[in-house]
């Protein structure tokens, strides 16, 4: 069984006992959360597609930790002008483990 969920403005295909990194969530590590933004469900032979969400469906997950992603470097340069600027950015991420997928 798998589901397609929406969190942090992105869509993720998830299965039970899967660990994934999603954009930063405002929850404490160790807490259980329910994600109600389920866009699609499949149990192997039957597929349900929401318009846009499936009512009553939810995905339960456990927040494992909050981390920061690898640094990306932003470098600007204009040739022959002695103009160089360097900045960096590290995106905040939440690591979650999917514990259960429930249909309506």
Protein backbone atom coordinates (compact mmCIF):
# COMPACT_ATOMS: atom_id res chain seq x y z
CA UNK A 1 0.00 0.00 0.00
CA UNK A 2 1.26 3.48 -0.82
CA UNK A 3 -0.06 7.01 -0.68
CA UNK A 4 0.80 10.37 -2.19
CA UNK A 5 0.78 13.13 0.43
CA UNK A 6 1.32 16.89 0.34
CA UNK A 7 3.40 18.63 2.98
CA UNK A 8 5.45 21.81 2.82
CA UNK A 9 4.16 22.58 -0.67
CA UNK A 10 5.66 19.38 -2.09
CA UNK A 11 4.25 15.94 -2.89
CA UNK A 12 5.74 12.70 -1.63
CA UNK A 13 5.00 9.06 -2.45
CA UNK A 14 5.14 7.18 0.85
CA UNK A 15 4.86 3.59 2.04
CA UNK A 16 4.62 2.15 5.53
CA UNK A 17 7.87 2.14 7.58
CA UNK A 18 9.55 4.52 5.14
CA UNK A 19 11.80 7.33 6.37
CA UNK A 20 11.87 10.57 4.44
CA UNK A 21 13.06 14.16 4.70
CA UNK A 22 10.37 16.82 4.28
CA UNK A 23 10.51 20.62 4.61
CA UNK A 24 10.71 21.87 8.18
CA UNK A 25 7.61 21.19 10.30
CA UNK A 26 6.67 22.99 13.48
CA UNK A 27 6.55 19.92 15.77
CA UNK A 28 8.86 18.50 18.40
CA UNK A 29 11.06 15.47 17.79
CA UNK A 30 9.48 12.25 19.04
CA UNK A 31 5.87 13.41 18.52
CA UNK A 32 3.36 11.60 16.33
CA UNK A 33 1.59 13.58 13.61
CA UNK A 34 -1.30 12.93 11.25
CA UNK A 35 -1.05 14.19 7.69
CA UNK A 36 -4.55 14.69 6.28
CA UNK A 37 -3.47 16.04 2.88
CA UNK A 38 -3.70 12.68 1.07
CA UNK A 39 -3.89 13.09 -2.70
CA UNK A 40 -3.90 9.42 -3.77
CA UNK A 41 -4.15 5.96 -2.20
CA UNK A 42 -3.34 2.56 -3.66
CA UNK A 43 -3.51 -0.90 -2.09
CA UNK A 44 -2.01 -2.75 -5.04
CA UNK A 45 -5.18 -3.43 -7.02
CA UNK A 46 -7.45 -0.45 -6.32
CA UNK A 47 -6.48 3.22 -6.74
CA UNK A 48 -8.31 6.18 -5.20
CA UNK A 49 -7.55 9.65 -6.51
CA UNK A 50 -8.82 12.69 -4.64
CA UNK A 51 -10.24 15.86 -6.11
CA UNK A 52 -7.96 17.34 -4.75
CA UNK A 53 -7.93 15.41 -1.41
CA UNK A 54 -9.36 12.07 -0.29
CA UNK A 55 -11.79 12.78 2.54
CA UNK A 56 -11.23 10.74 5.69
CA UNK A 57 -7.84 9.37 4.63
CA UNK A 58 -4.77 10.09 6.74
CA UNK A 59 -1.14 9.12 7.05
CA UNK A 60 0.36 8.77 10.53
CA UNK A 61 4.02 9.57 11.01
CA UNK A 62 6.56 9.98 13.79
CA UNK A 63 8.94 12.96 13.83
CA UNK A 64 12.45 11.59 14.31
CA UNK A 65 14.61 14.74 14.19
CA UNK A 66 15.12 18.19 12.70
CA UNK A 67 18.21 18.62 10.54
CA UNK A 68 19.72 21.06 8.06
CA UNK A 69 20.51 20.08 4.50
CA UNK A 70 23.87 20.42 2.77
CA UNK A 71 24.98 23.98 2.06
CA UNK A 72 24.40 25.39 -1.38
CA UNK A 73 26.67 28.20 -2.53
CA UNK A 74 25.32 31.26 -4.31
CA UNK A 75 28.08 32.98 -6.27
CA UNK A 76 27.62 36.17 -8.31
CA UNK A 77 30.28 37.62 -10.58
CA UNK A 78 30.51 40.30 -13.23
CA UNK A 79 33.48 39.96 -15.49
CA UNK A 80 36.06 42.73 -15.64
CA UNK A 81 34.25 44.71 -12.92
CA UNK A 82 35.94 43.31 -9.78
CA UNK A 83 32.46 42.29 -8.51
CA UNK A 84 32.19 39.01 -6.63
CA UNK A 85 29.64 38.00 -3.95
CA UNK A 86 29.35 34.69 -2.17
CA UNK A 87 26.44 33.57 -0.01
CA UNK A 88 25.33 30.22 1.36
CA UNK A 89 22.05 28.63 2.34
CA UNK A 90 21.11 25.53 4.36
CA UNK A 91 17.48 24.41 4.18
CA UNK A 92 15.81 23.17 7.36
CA UNK A 93 14.40 19.64 7.09
CA UNK A 94 12.35 17.30 9.27
CA UNK A 95 13.01 13.57 9.19
CA UNK A 96 9.79 11.57 9.59
CA UNK A 97 8.98 7.86 9.62
CA UNK A 98 5.62 6.74 8.20
CA UNK A 99 3.89 4.48 10.73
CA UNK A 100 0.45 3.91 9.21
CA UNK A 101 -1.67 4.66 6.16
CA UNK A 102 -5.44 4.69 6.71
CA UNK A 103 -8.10 4.94 4.02
CA UNK A 104 -11.49 6.54 4.59
